[in-house]
Amino acid sequence: MRNVAATAMEIATIERLFPGRLMPGVGHGVLPWMAQAGARVASPLTLMREYVPALRALLAGDEVTVDGRYVTLDRVRLDWPPTAAPRVYAAAERPRTLALAGEVADGTVLDMGHTVDEVATAVRTVRASNAVQHVVAYVVAAFGTDAAARAVGHFGDDAPDDAADRVLAGSIEDIAAGVRRFAAAGVDHVVLMPTDDADLTDYYTAAAEVGRRVRG
């Protein structure tokens, strides 16, 4: 939905304001949403193949010329590129998109709702294209009373039979153990996602403690 030059300028601005804190990620878009917005393309993988390398090159301060199917740039260079280009992530889910993300991006983002085994398979697919890929996985997590039911409730009426294997729930140590399982599957960063009813102050406090225990 955004021209790659505009995206590069936006990312560069944030990176200059807050060096090293931004982890920008892009994707070819959720296709039904893209259609609603009048932005769906005939070949989402071609879009990603053209867009992500162009974005990385612009953020690196290069002059970029591209004459692609969806990305067209004529000697475009940022006047104010980041001092150090951030790692650019690509969101991916299906095997072909995962392989392409491993090929064109610096890192890959995996959506929530997957088992550890499914994540491990995705990581292998990504790293078959790039062995040093950074992988980020989102995981729904709930702490405290009725944690498992609240976490599984994220799926709504479409909850699969193994929904409990696709979330993390319980005490701080329970969640930390779950994070370690995802790390063992090859994930570099696990992002804990709260349930809709979570008190965010309490949630962030608990998540920070999970981080301390995992690092320890």
N, C-alpha and C. Protein backbone atom coordinates (compact mmCIF):
# COMPACT_ATOMS: atom_id res chain seq x y z
N MET A 1 0.82 -1.20 0.00
CA MET A 1 0.00 0.00 0.00
C MET A 1 0.86 1.26 0.00
N ARG A 2 2.15 1.16 0.35
CA ARG A 2 3.04 2.32 0.39
C ARG A 2 4.11 2.20 -0.69
N ASN A 3 4.37 3.30 -1.36
CA ASN A 3 5.51 3.33 -2.27
C ASN A 3 6.78 3.07 -1.47
N VAL A 4 7.69 2.30 -2.03
CA VAL A 4 8.88 1.90 -1.28
C VAL A 4 9.75 3.09 -0.89
N ALA A 5 9.76 4.14 -1.70
CA ALA A 5 10.54 5.33 -1.36
C ALA A 5 9.96 6.01 -0.12
N ALA A 6 8.62 6.09 -0.05
CA ALA A 6 7.99 6.69 1.12
C ALA A 6 8.26 5.85 2.37
N THR A 7 8.17 4.53 2.23
CA THR A 7 8.46 3.65 3.36
C THR A 7 9.89 3.84 3.84
N ALA A 8 10.82 3.93 2.92
CA ALA A 8 12.23 4.12 3.29
C ALA A 8 12.42 5.44 4.03
N MET A 9 11.77 6.50 3.57
CA MET A 9 11.90 7.79 4.25
C MET A 9 11.32 7.73 5.67
N GLU A 10 10.17 7.07 5.82
CA GLU A 10 9.55 6.96 7.14
C GLU A 10 10.46 6.18 8.11
N ILE A 11 10.97 5.05 7.63
CA ILE A 11 11.85 4.23 8.48
C ILE A 11 13.12 5.00 8.83
N ALA A 12 13.70 5.69 7.85
CA ALA A 12 14.92 6.45 8.09
C ALA A 12 14.70 7.53 9.13
N THR A 13 13.54 8.18 9.09
CA THR A 13 13.24 9.22 10.07
C THR A 13 13.17 8.65 11.48
N ILE A 14 12.44 7.54 11.64
CA ILE A 14 12.34 6.94 12.97
C ILE A 14 13.69 6.44 13.45
N GLU A 15 14.48 5.85 12.55
CA GLU A 15 15.80 5.34 12.91
C GLU A 15 16.71 6.47 13.36
N ARG A 16 16.62 7.64 12.73
CA ARG A 16 17.44 8.77 13.15
C ARG A 16 16.99 9.32 14.51
N LEU A 17 15.69 9.28 14.76
CA LEU A 17 15.18 9.76 16.05
C LEU A 17 15.53 8.81 17.19
N PHE A 18 15.45 7.51 16.91
CA PHE A 18 15.64 6.49 17.95
C PHE A 18 16.58 5.41 17.42
N PRO A 19 17.87 5.71 17.34
CA PRO A 19 18.82 4.78 16.70
C PRO A 19 18.81 3.40 17.36
N GLY A 20 18.72 2.39 16.53
CA GLY A 20 18.85 1.03 17.00
C GLY A 20 17.62 0.45 17.67
N ARG A 21 16.53 1.22 17.78
CA ARG A 21 15.35 0.73 18.50
C ARG A 21 14.27 0.20 17.57
N LEU A 22 14.36 0.53 16.30
CA LEU A 22 13.31 0.14 15.35
C LEU A 22 13.66 -1.19 14.69
N MET A 23 12.66 -2.08 14.60
CA MET A 23 12.82 -3.34 13.87
C MET A 23 11.75 -3.34 12.78
N PRO A 24 12.01 -2.70 11.64
CA PRO A 24 10.97 -2.56 10.62
C PRO A 24 10.68 -3.88 9.91
N GLY A 25 9.39 -4.12 9.68
CA GLY A 25 8.99 -5.31 8.95
C GLY A 25 7.97 -4.97 7.89
N VAL A 26 8.03 -5.65 6.77
CA VAL A 26 7.07 -5.45 5.68
C VAL A 26 6.57 -6.82 5.24
N GLY A 27 5.54 -6.80 4.38
CA GLY A 27 5.03 -8.04 3.81
C GLY A 27 4.21 -7.71 2.58
N HIS A 28 3.73 -8.74 1.89
CA HIS A 28 2.94 -8.45 0.69
C HIS A 28 1.49 -8.13 1.03
N GLY A 29 1.16 -8.14 2.32
CA GLY A 29 -0.18 -7.76 2.74
C GLY A 29 -1.12 -8.93 2.83
N VAL A 30 -2.10 -8.84 3.73
CA VAL A 30 -3.15 -9.85 3.80
C VAL A 30 -4.07 -9.63 2.60
N LEU A 31 -4.17 -10.62 1.74
CA LEU A 31 -4.75 -10.39 0.42
C LEU A 31 -6.19 -9.87 0.45
N PRO A 32 -7.08 -10.39 1.31
CA PRO A 32 -8.44 -9.81 1.33
C PRO A 32 -8.43 -8.33 1.72
N TRP A 33 -7.56 -7.95 2.68
CA TRP A 33 -7.48 -6.54 3.08
C TRP A 33 -6.94 -5.71 1.93
N MET A 34 -5.93 -6.23 1.25
CA MET A 34 -5.36 -5.50 0.13
C MET A 34 -6.41 -5.28 -0.96
N ALA A 35 -7.26 -6.28 -1.18
CA ALA A 35 -8.32 -6.15 -2.18
C ALA A 35 -9.32 -5.08 -1.76
N GLN A 36 -9.66 -5.07 -0.47
CA GLN A 36 -10.60 -4.05 0.03
C GLN A 36 -10.06 -2.64 -0.18
N ALA A 37 -8.75 -2.50 -0.07
CA ALA A 37 -8.11 -1.19 -0.21
C ALA A 37 -7.73 -0.86 -1.64
N GLY A 38 -8.06 -1.76 -2.56
CA GLY A 38 -7.72 -1.52 -3.95
C GLY A 38 -6.25 -1.66 -4.25
N ALA A 39 -5.53 -2.42 -3.41
CA ALA A 39 -4.08 -2.52 -3.56
C ALA A 39 -3.59 -3.94 -3.76
N ARG A 40 -4.50 -4.89 -3.96
CA ARG A 40 -4.07 -6.28 -4.17
C ARG A 40 -3.39 -6.41 -5.53
N VAL A 41 -2.28 -7.14 -5.55
CA VAL A 41 -1.54 -7.34 -6.80
C VAL A 41 -1.73 -8.77 -7.28
N ALA A 42 -1.46 -8.99 -8.56
CA ALA A 42 -1.65 -10.32 -9.15
C ALA A 42 -0.62 -11.31 -8.64
N SER A 43 0.59 -10.82 -8.32
CA SER A 43 1.65 -11.71 -7.86
C SER A 43 2.29 -11.15 -6.59
N PRO A 44 1.77 -11.50 -5.40
CA PRO A 44 2.33 -10.98 -4.15
C PRO A 44 3.81 -11.32 -3.96
N LEU A 45 4.23 -12.50 -4.44
CA LEU A 45 5.64 -12.88 -4.27
C LEU A 45 6.55 -12.00 -5.13
N THR A 46 6.08 -11.65 -6.33
CA THR A 46 6.86 -10.72 -7.17
C THR A 46 6.98 -9.37 -6.49
N LEU A 47 5.89 -8.91 -5.89
CA LEU A 47 5.93 -7.65 -5.14
C LEU A 47 6.99 -7.71 -4.04
N MET A 48 7.00 -8.78 -3.26
CA MET A 48 7.98 -8.89 -2.18
C MET A 48 9.40 -8.97 -2.74
N ARG A 49 9.58 -9.73 -3.82
CA ARG A 49 10.91 -9.90 -4.40
C ARG A 49 11.47 -8.56 -4.90
N GLU A 50 10.62 -7.67 -5.37
CA GLU A 50 11.07 -6.36 -5.84
C GLU A 50 11.20 -5.35 -4.70
N TYR A 51 10.25 -5.40 -3.78
CA TYR A 51 10.10 -4.35 -2.77
C TYR A 51 11.18 -4.42 -1.69
N VAL A 52 11.40 -5.61 -1.14
CA VAL A 52 12.29 -5.72 0.01
C VAL A 52 13.74 -5.38 -0.35
N PRO A 53 14.31 -5.89 -1.44
CA PRO A 53 15.68 -5.48 -1.78
C PRO A 53 15.80 -3.98 -2.06
N ALA A 54 14.77 -3.39 -2.70
CA ALA A 54 14.81 -1.95 -2.96
C ALA A 54 14.80 -1.17 -1.64
N LEU A 55 13.98 -1.60 -0.70
CA LEU A 55 13.91 -0.94 0.60
C LEU A 55 15.24 -1.05 1.34
N ARG A 56 15.83 -2.22 1.34
CA ARG A 56 17.12 -2.40 2.02
C ARG A 56 18.20 -1.53 1.39
N ALA A 57 18.20 -1.45 0.06
CA ALA A 57 19.22 -0.65 -0.62
C ALA A 57 19.05 0.83 -0.32
N LEU A 58 17.81 1.32 -0.31
CA LEU A 58 17.57 2.72 0.02
C LEU A 58 18.02 3.04 1.43
N LEU A 59 17.72 2.16 2.38
CA LEU A 59 18.10 2.40 3.77
C LEU A 59 19.61 2.33 3.95
N ALA A 60 20.29 1.62 3.06
CA ALA A 60 21.75 1.56 3.11
C ALA A 60 22.40 2.79 2.50
N GLY A 61 21.58 3.70 1.95
CA GLY A 61 22.11 4.93 1.36
C GLY A 61 22.46 4.81 -0.10
N ASP A 62 22.10 3.70 -0.74
CA ASP A 62 22.44 3.50 -2.14
C ASP A 62 21.50 4.31 -3.06
N GLU A 63 21.99 4.59 -4.26
CA GLU A 63 21.13 5.11 -5.31
C GLU A 63 20.51 3.91 -6.02
N VAL A 64 19.19 3.92 -6.12
CA VAL A 64 18.50 2.72 -6.59
C VAL A 64 17.71 3.02 -7.86
N THR A 65 17.92 2.18 -8.86
CA THR A 65 17.13 2.22 -10.08
C THR A 65 16.52 0.83 -10.28
N VAL A 66 15.20 0.78 -10.37
CA VAL A 66 14.50 -0.48 -10.54
C VAL A 66 13.39 -0.27 -11.57
N ASP A 67 13.27 -1.20 -12.49
CA ASP A 67 12.17 -1.16 -13.44
C ASP A 67 11.46 -2.50 -13.37
N GLY A 68 10.68 -2.67 -12.30
CA GLY A 68 10.04 -3.94 -12.06
C GLY A 68 8.56 -3.92 -12.39
N ARG A 69 7.92 -5.00 -12.05
CA ARG A 69 6.48 -5.11 -12.31
C ARG A 69 5.69 -4.20 -11.38
N TYR A 70 6.17 -4.10 -10.12
CA TYR A 70 5.45 -3.31 -9.12
C TYR A 70 6.30 -2.20 -8.51
N VAL A 71 7.59 -2.28 -8.60
CA VAL A 71 8.48 -1.26 -8.04
C VAL A 71 9.25 -0.60 -9.17
N THR A 72 9.10 0.72 -9.25
CA THR A 72 9.82 1.50 -10.27
C THR A 72 10.50 2.68 -9.60
N LEU A 73 11.83 2.72 -9.68
CA LEU A 73 12.61 3.80 -9.10
C LEU A 73 13.64 4.26 -10.14
N ASP A 74 13.81 5.56 -10.26
CA ASP A 74 14.76 6.11 -11.22
C ASP A 74 15.80 6.94 -10.47
N ARG A 75 16.92 6.33 -10.17
CA ARG A 75 18.04 6.99 -9.48
C ARG A 75 17.58 7.65 -8.18
N VAL A 76 16.89 6.88 -7.36
CA VAL A 76 16.38 7.38 -6.09
C VAL A 76 17.40 7.11 -4.99
N ARG A 77 17.69 8.14 -4.22
CA ARG A 77 18.58 8.01 -3.08
C ARG A 77 18.03 8.87 -1.95
N LEU A 78 18.07 8.37 -0.72
CA LEU A 78 17.63 9.15 0.42
C LEU A 78 18.62 10.28 0.71
N ASP A 79 18.11 11.50 0.91
CA ASP A 79 18.97 12.60 1.32
C ASP A 79 19.48 12.39 2.74
N TRP A 80 18.66 11.74 3.56
CA TRP A 80 19.03 11.53 4.97
C TRP A 80 18.85 10.06 5.33
N PRO A 81 19.73 9.20 4.83
CA PRO A 81 19.62 7.78 5.18
C PRO A 81 20.02 7.56 6.63
N PRO A 82 19.65 6.44 7.22
CA PRO A 82 20.08 6.15 8.59
C PRO A 82 21.60 6.08 8.68
N THR A 83 22.12 6.44 9.84
CA THR A 83 23.56 6.30 10.05
C THR A 83 23.98 4.84 9.92
N ALA A 84 23.15 3.97 10.48
CA ALA A 84 23.34 2.52 10.31
C ALA A 84 22.01 1.94 9.88
N ALA A 85 21.98 1.29 8.75
CA ALA A 85 20.72 0.75 8.23
C ALA A 85 20.17 -0.32 9.16
N PRO A 86 18.87 -0.24 9.53
CA PRO A 86 18.30 -1.28 10.37
C PRO A 86 18.10 -2.57 9.59
N ARG A 87 18.02 -3.67 10.31
CA ARG A 87 17.68 -4.94 9.70
C ARG A 87 16.23 -4.88 9.25
N VAL A 88 15.95 -5.27 8.01
CA VAL A 88 14.59 -5.25 7.47
C VAL A 88 14.02 -6.67 7.51
N TYR A 89 12.88 -6.80 8.17
CA TYR A 89 12.20 -8.08 8.30
C TYR A 89 11.08 -8.20 7.28
N ALA A 90 10.77 -9.43 6.90
CA ALA A 90 9.63 -9.70 6.03
C ALA A 90 8.71 -10.70 6.73
N ALA A 91 7.42 -10.42 6.70
CA ALA A 91 6.45 -11.34 7.28
C ALA A 91 6.14 -12.45 6.27
N ALA A 92 6.05 -13.66 6.78
CA ALA A 92 5.81 -14.80 5.88
C ALA A 92 5.12 -15.91 6.64
N GLU A 93 4.37 -16.73 5.88
CA GLU A 93 3.66 -17.85 6.51
C GLU A 93 3.75 -19.12 5.68
N ARG A 94 3.40 -19.06 4.40
CA ARG A 94 3.42 -20.26 3.56
C ARG A 94 4.84 -20.56 3.07
N PRO A 95 5.10 -21.81 2.70
CA PRO A 95 6.46 -22.23 2.35
C PRO A 95 7.15 -21.36 1.31
N ARG A 96 6.46 -21.02 0.21
CA ARG A 96 7.11 -20.23 -0.83
C ARG A 96 7.46 -18.83 -0.33
N THR A 97 6.57 -18.24 0.48
CA THR A 97 6.85 -16.92 1.02
C THR A 97 7.97 -16.98 2.05
N LEU A 98 7.99 -18.03 2.85
CA LEU A 98 9.07 -18.21 3.82
C LEU A 98 10.42 -18.31 3.12
N ALA A 99 10.48 -19.10 2.06
CA ALA A 99 11.74 -19.25 1.32
C ALA A 99 12.16 -17.93 0.71
N LEU A 100 11.21 -17.17 0.18
CA LEU A 100 11.54 -15.88 -0.42
C LEU A 100 11.99 -14.88 0.64
N ALA A 101 11.33 -14.88 1.80
CA ALA A 101 11.75 -13.99 2.88
C ALA A 101 13.19 -14.29 3.29
N GLY A 102 13.53 -15.57 3.35
CA GLY A 102 14.90 -15.93 3.67
C GLY A 102 15.87 -15.43 2.63
N GLU A 103 15.42 -15.33 1.40
CA GLU A 103 16.29 -14.91 0.30
C GLU A 103 16.49 -13.40 0.25
N VAL A 104 15.42 -12.61 0.46
CA VAL A 104 15.50 -11.18 0.18
C VAL A 104 15.59 -10.29 1.41
N ALA A 105 15.23 -10.79 2.59
CA ALA A 105 15.18 -9.95 3.78
C ALA A 105 16.32 -10.26 4.73
N ASP A 106 16.45 -9.42 5.76
CA ASP A 106 17.44 -9.67 6.82
C ASP A 106 16.88 -10.56 7.91
N GLY A 107 15.56 -10.61 8.01
CA GLY A 107 14.91 -11.41 9.04
C GLY A 107 13.50 -11.74 8.61
N THR A 108 12.90 -12.72 9.30
CA THR A 108 11.56 -13.16 8.97
C THR A 108 10.68 -13.12 10.21
N VAL A 109 9.44 -12.65 10.04
CA VAL A 109 8.47 -12.58 11.12
C VAL A 109 7.41 -13.66 10.91
N LEU A 110 7.19 -14.47 11.95
CA LEU A 110 6.18 -15.52 11.91
C LEU A 110 4.98 -15.09 12.76
N ASP A 111 3.79 -15.24 12.21
CA ASP A 111 2.58 -14.85 12.91
C ASP A 111 2.30 -15.80 14.07
N MET A 112 1.43 -15.35 14.98
CA MET A 112 1.07 -16.19 16.12
C MET A 112 0.10 -17.28 15.71
N GLY A 113 -0.04 -18.28 16.57
CA GLY A 113 -0.99 -19.34 16.31
C GLY A 113 -0.37 -20.63 15.80
N HIS A 114 0.96 -20.75 15.93
CA HIS A 114 1.64 -21.94 15.43
C HIS A 114 2.23 -22.75 16.58
N THR A 115 2.31 -24.06 16.39
CA THR A 115 2.97 -24.91 17.37
C THR A 115 4.49 -24.76 17.24
N VAL A 116 5.20 -25.24 18.25
CA VAL A 116 6.66 -25.20 18.20
C VAL A 116 7.17 -25.98 17.00
N ASP A 117 6.57 -27.15 16.72
CA ASP A 117 7.02 -27.95 15.58
C ASP A 117 6.80 -27.22 14.27
N GLU A 118 5.66 -26.54 14.13
CA GLU A 118 5.40 -25.78 12.91
C GLU A 118 6.39 -24.64 12.76
N VAL A 119 6.71 -23.99 13.87
CA VAL A 119 7.70 -22.91 13.82
C VAL A 119 9.06 -23.46 13.43
N ALA A 120 9.43 -24.61 13.97
CA ALA A 120 10.72 -25.22 13.62
C ALA A 120 10.80 -25.52 12.12
N THR A 121 9.70 -26.00 11.55
CA THR A 121 9.66 -26.26 10.10
C THR A 121 9.82 -24.96 9.32
N ALA A 122 9.14 -23.91 9.77
CA ALA A 122 9.25 -22.61 9.09
C ALA A 122 10.67 -22.07 9.17
N VAL A 123 11.30 -22.23 10.31
CA VAL A 123 12.68 -21.75 10.48
C VAL A 123 13.61 -22.48 9.52
N ARG A 124 13.43 -23.78 9.38
CA ARG A 124 14.28 -24.54 8.46
C ARG A 124 14.07 -24.06 7.02
N THR A 125 12.83 -23.76 6.66
CA THR A 125 12.55 -23.28 5.31
C THR A 125 13.23 -21.95 5.05
N VAL A 126 13.13 -21.06 6.02
CA VAL A 126 13.75 -19.74 5.89
C VAL A 126 15.26 -19.86 5.78
N ARG A 127 15.84 -20.64 6.65
CA ARG A 127 17.31 -20.70 6.72
C ARG A 127 17.91 -21.58 5.63
N ALA A 128 17.08 -22.29 4.89
CA ALA A 128 17.59 -22.98 3.70
C ALA A 128 18.00 -21.96 2.66
N SER A 129 17.37 -20.77 2.68
CA SER A 129 17.74 -19.70 1.77
C SER A 129 18.83 -18.82 2.35
N ASN A 130 18.87 -18.70 3.67
CA ASN A 130 19.83 -17.81 4.32
C ASN A 130 20.08 -18.32 5.73
N ALA A 131 21.21 -18.93 5.94
CA ALA A 131 21.49 -19.59 7.21
C ALA A 131 21.58 -18.64 8.38
N VAL A 132 21.82 -17.35 8.13
CA VAL A 132 22.00 -16.39 9.23
C VAL A 132 20.75 -15.53 9.44
N GLN A 133 19.64 -15.91 8.85
CA GLN A 133 18.39 -15.15 9.02
C GLN A 133 18.00 -15.02 10.49
N HIS A 134 17.59 -13.82 10.88
CA HIS A 134 16.97 -13.61 12.18
C HIS A 134 15.50 -13.96 12.07
N VAL A 135 14.97 -14.70 13.02
CA VAL A 135 13.57 -15.10 12.98
C VAL A 135 12.86 -14.59 14.23
N VAL A 136 11.71 -13.95 14.02
CA VAL A 136 10.86 -13.44 15.09
C VAL A 136 9.55 -14.21 15.05
N ALA A 137 9.08 -14.66 16.21
CA ALA A 137 7.80 -15.36 16.27
C ALA A 137 6.90 -14.70 17.31
N TYR A 138 5.68 -14.42 16.91
CA TYR A 138 4.67 -13.92 17.84
C TYR A 138 3.94 -15.10 18.48
N VAL A 139 3.72 -15.02 19.79
CA VAL A 139 3.04 -16.10 20.52
C VAL A 139 2.07 -15.48 21.51
N VAL A 140 0.81 -15.90 21.48
CA VAL A 140 -0.16 -15.46 22.47
C VAL A 140 0.22 -16.06 23.82
N ALA A 141 0.26 -15.23 24.86
CA ALA A 141 0.63 -15.70 26.20
C ALA A 141 -0.30 -15.08 27.23
N ALA A 142 -0.68 -15.87 28.23
CA ALA A 142 -1.54 -15.39 29.31
C ALA A 142 -0.97 -15.84 30.64
N PHE A 143 -1.02 -14.94 31.61
CA PHE A 143 -0.50 -15.22 32.95
C PHE A 143 -1.66 -15.35 33.94
N GLY A 144 -1.44 -16.14 35.01
CA GLY A 144 -2.35 -16.12 36.13
C GLY A 144 -3.55 -17.02 36.01
N THR A 145 -4.62 -16.61 36.71
CA THR A 145 -5.83 -17.43 36.82
C THR A 145 -6.48 -17.66 35.45
N ASP A 146 -6.87 -18.90 35.21
CA ASP A 146 -7.53 -19.27 33.95
C ASP A 146 -6.72 -18.88 32.73
N ALA A 147 -5.41 -18.91 32.86
CA ALA A 147 -4.54 -18.44 31.77
C ALA A 147 -4.74 -19.26 30.50
N ALA A 148 -4.83 -20.57 30.63
CA ALA A 148 -4.94 -21.42 29.45
C ALA A 148 -6.23 -21.12 28.69
N ALA A 149 -7.33 -21.00 29.41
CA ALA A 149 -8.62 -20.73 28.76
C ALA A 149 -8.61 -19.37 28.09
N ARG A 150 -8.00 -18.38 28.73
CA ARG A 150 -7.95 -17.05 28.14
C ARG A 150 -7.07 -17.02 26.91
N ALA A 151 -5.96 -17.75 26.95
CA ALA A 151 -5.06 -17.78 25.79
C ALA A 151 -5.71 -18.49 24.61
N VAL A 152 -6.33 -19.63 24.88
CA VAL A 152 -7.00 -20.38 23.81
C VAL A 152 -8.17 -19.59 23.26
N GLY A 153 -8.79 -18.76 24.12
CA GLY A 153 -9.90 -17.94 23.68
C GLY A 153 -9.55 -16.98 22.56
N HIS A 154 -8.26 -16.73 22.38
CA HIS A 154 -7.80 -15.88 21.28
C HIS A 154 -8.30 -16.41 19.93
N PHE A 155 -8.44 -17.72 19.80
CA PHE A 155 -8.85 -18.33 18.53
C PHE A 155 -10.35 -18.19 18.28
N GLY A 156 -11.10 -17.85 19.33
CA GLY A 156 -12.54 -17.71 19.16
C GLY A 156 -13.20 -19.05 18.84
N ASP A 157 -14.24 -18.98 18.03
CA ASP A 157 -14.99 -20.20 17.69
C ASP A 157 -14.22 -21.12 16.75
N ASP A 158 -13.13 -20.63 16.18
CA ASP A 158 -12.36 -21.43 15.22
C ASP A 158 -11.16 -22.13 15.87
N ALA A 159 -11.18 -22.24 17.20
CA ALA A 159 -10.04 -22.83 17.90
C ALA A 159 -9.80 -24.27 17.44
N PRO A 160 -8.59 -24.60 17.02
CA PRO A 160 -8.28 -25.99 16.63
C PRO A 160 -8.22 -26.88 17.86
N ASP A 161 -8.25 -28.18 17.65
CA ASP A 161 -8.21 -29.13 18.76
C ASP A 161 -6.93 -29.00 19.57
N ASP A 162 -5.84 -28.61 18.90
CA ASP A 162 -4.56 -28.49 19.60
C ASP A 162 -4.24 -27.04 19.94
N ALA A 163 -5.27 -26.23 20.17
CA ALA A 163 -5.06 -24.81 20.42
C ALA A 163 -4.14 -24.57 21.61
N ALA A 164 -4.21 -25.44 22.62
CA ALA A 164 -3.37 -25.26 23.81
C ALA A 164 -1.89 -25.39 23.48
N ASP A 165 -1.56 -26.08 22.38
CA ASP A 165 -0.17 -26.22 21.96
C ASP A 165 0.31 -25.03 21.14
N ARG A 166 -0.60 -24.10 20.88
CA ARG A 166 -0.27 -22.95 20.03
C ARG A 166 -0.20 -21.65 20.82
N VAL A 167 -0.28 -21.75 22.14
CA VAL A 167 -0.22 -20.59 23.02
C VAL A 167 0.68 -20.92 24.21
N LEU A 168 1.00 -19.90 24.98
CA LEU A 168 1.71 -20.09 26.23
C LEU A 168 0.82 -19.59 27.36
N ALA A 169 0.79 -20.34 28.46
CA ALA A 169 -0.11 -19.98 29.55
C ALA A 169 0.43 -20.51 30.87
N GLY A 170 0.12 -19.75 31.96
CA GLY A 170 0.50 -20.20 33.29
C GLY A 170 1.30 -19.17 34.05
N SER A 171 2.24 -19.65 34.84
CA SER A 171 3.08 -18.78 35.65
C SER A 171 4.19 -18.16 34.82
N ILE A 172 4.92 -17.25 35.43
CA ILE A 172 6.06 -16.64 34.74
C ILE A 172 7.05 -17.71 34.31
N GLU A 173 7.29 -18.69 35.16
CA GLU A 173 8.24 -19.74 34.80
C GLU A 173 7.68 -20.63 33.70
N ASP A 174 6.37 -20.87 33.72
CA ASP A 174 5.76 -21.65 32.64
C ASP A 174 5.97 -20.96 31.29
N ILE A 175 5.73 -19.64 31.27
CA ILE A 175 5.90 -18.88 30.02
C ILE A 175 7.36 -18.87 29.61
N ALA A 176 8.26 -18.71 30.57
CA ALA A 176 9.69 -18.71 30.26
C ALA A 176 10.10 -20.05 29.64
N ALA A 177 9.57 -21.14 30.19
CA ALA A 177 9.89 -22.46 29.63
C ALA A 177 9.37 -22.57 28.20
N GLY A 178 8.19 -22.00 27.94
CA GLY A 178 7.65 -22.02 26.58
C GLY A 178 8.50 -21.21 25.62
N VAL A 179 8.96 -20.06 26.08
CA VAL A 179 9.84 -19.23 25.24
C VAL A 179 11.11 -20.00 24.89
N ARG A 180 11.64 -20.72 25.87
CA ARG A 180 12.86 -21.50 25.61
C ARG A 180 12.60 -22.57 24.55
N ARG A 181 11.39 -23.14 24.53
CA ARG A 181 11.08 -24.15 23.52
C ARG A 181 11.09 -23.52 22.12
N PHE A 182 10.53 -22.33 22.00
CA PHE A 182 10.56 -21.65 20.71
C PHE A 182 11.99 -21.27 20.34
N ALA A 183 12.78 -20.88 21.32
CA ALA A 183 14.19 -20.57 21.04
C ALA A 183 14.92 -21.81 20.55
N ALA A 184 14.63 -22.95 21.16
CA ALA A 184 15.26 -24.20 20.74
C ALA A 184 14.85 -24.58 19.32
N ALA A 185 13.68 -24.10 18.88
CA ALA A 185 13.21 -24.36 17.52
C ALA A 185 13.87 -23.43 16.51
N GLY A 186 14.70 -22.49 16.99
CA GLY A 186 15.45 -21.63 16.09
C GLY A 186 15.02 -20.18 16.06
N VAL A 187 14.08 -19.81 16.93
CA VAL A 187 13.59 -18.43 16.96
C VAL A 187 14.57 -17.55 17.74
N ASP A 188 14.89 -16.39 17.17
CA ASP A 188 15.80 -15.45 17.84
C ASP A 188 15.07 -14.51 18.79
N HIS A 189 13.87 -14.09 18.42
CA HIS A 189 13.08 -13.17 19.25
C HIS A 189 11.66 -13.70 19.35
N VAL A 190 11.18 -13.90 20.57
CA VAL A 190 9.80 -14.29 20.80
C VAL A 190 9.04 -13.07 21.32
N VAL A 191 7.98 -12.70 20.61
CA VAL A 191 7.15 -11.56 21.01
C VAL A 191 5.89 -12.10 21.67
N LEU A 192 5.71 -11.80 22.96
CA LEU A 192 4.54 -12.26 23.69
C LEU A 192 3.38 -11.31 23.43
N MET A 193 2.26 -11.88 23.00
CA MET A 193 1.06 -11.11 22.68
C MET A 193 0.01 -11.29 23.77
N PRO A 194 -0.49 -10.20 24.34
CA PRO A 194 -1.50 -10.32 25.40
C PRO A 194 -2.87 -10.68 24.86
N THR A 195 -3.69 -11.27 25.71
CA THR A 195 -5.09 -11.48 25.37
C THR A 195 -5.82 -10.14 25.51
N ASP A 196 -7.01 -10.07 24.93
CA ASP A 196 -7.75 -8.81 24.91
C ASP A 196 -8.10 -8.29 26.30
N ASP A 197 -8.22 -9.20 27.25
CA ASP A 197 -8.65 -8.79 28.59
C ASP A 197 -7.47 -8.53 29.53
N ALA A 198 -6.26 -8.59 29.04
CA ALA A 198 -5.09 -8.44 29.91
C ALA A 198 -4.93 -7.00 30.40
N ASP A 199 -4.53 -6.85 31.65
CA ASP A 199 -4.11 -5.55 32.17
C ASP A 199 -2.68 -5.33 31.69
N LEU A 200 -2.48 -4.35 30.82
CA LEU A 200 -1.19 -4.23 30.14
C LEU A 200 -0.05 -3.88 31.09
N THR A 201 -0.32 -3.10 32.13
CA THR A 201 0.74 -2.79 33.09
C THR A 201 1.25 -4.07 33.74
N ASP A 202 0.32 -4.90 34.22
CA ASP A 202 0.71 -6.18 34.84
C ASP A 202 1.35 -7.10 33.80
N TYR A 203 0.81 -7.08 32.59
CA TYR A 203 1.33 -7.97 31.55
C TYR A 203 2.77 -7.63 31.21
N TYR A 204 3.06 -6.36 31.00
CA TYR A 204 4.43 -5.97 30.65
C TYR A 204 5.40 -6.27 31.78
N THR A 205 4.93 -6.11 33.02
CA THR A 205 5.78 -6.43 34.16
C THR A 205 6.13 -7.92 34.17
N ALA A 206 5.12 -8.76 33.93
CA ALA A 206 5.35 -10.20 33.90
C ALA A 206 6.22 -10.59 32.71
N ALA A 207 5.95 -9.98 31.55
CA ALA A 207 6.75 -10.30 30.37
C ALA A 207 8.20 -9.91 30.56
N ALA A 208 8.45 -8.78 31.22
CA ALA A 208 9.83 -8.38 31.49
C ALA A 208 10.53 -9.40 32.37
N GLU A 209 9.81 -9.94 33.34
CA GLU A 209 10.41 -10.96 34.21
C GLU A 209 10.69 -12.23 33.41
N VAL A 210 9.80 -12.60 32.49
CA VAL A 210 10.08 -13.73 31.60
C VAL A 210 11.38 -13.50 30.86
N GLY A 211 11.55 -12.29 30.32
CA GLY A 211 12.79 -11.96 29.60
C GLY A 211 14.02 -12.13 30.46
N ARG A 212 13.92 -11.66 31.69
CA ARG A 212 15.08 -11.79 32.60
C ARG A 212 15.42 -13.24 32.86
N ARG A 213 14.39 -14.07 33.06
CA ARG A 213 14.66 -15.48 33.35
C ARG A 213 15.20 -16.22 32.14
N VAL A 214 14.70 -15.88 30.96
CA VAL A 214 15.20 -16.54 29.75
C VAL A 214 16.66 -16.15 29.50
N ARG A 215 16.96 -14.86 29.66
CA ARG A 215 18.35 -14.43 29.48
C ARG A 215 19.26 -15.04 30.52
N GLY A 216 18.71 -15.25 31.73
CA GLY A 216 19.54 -15.82 32.79
C GLY A 216 19.87 -17.26 32.54
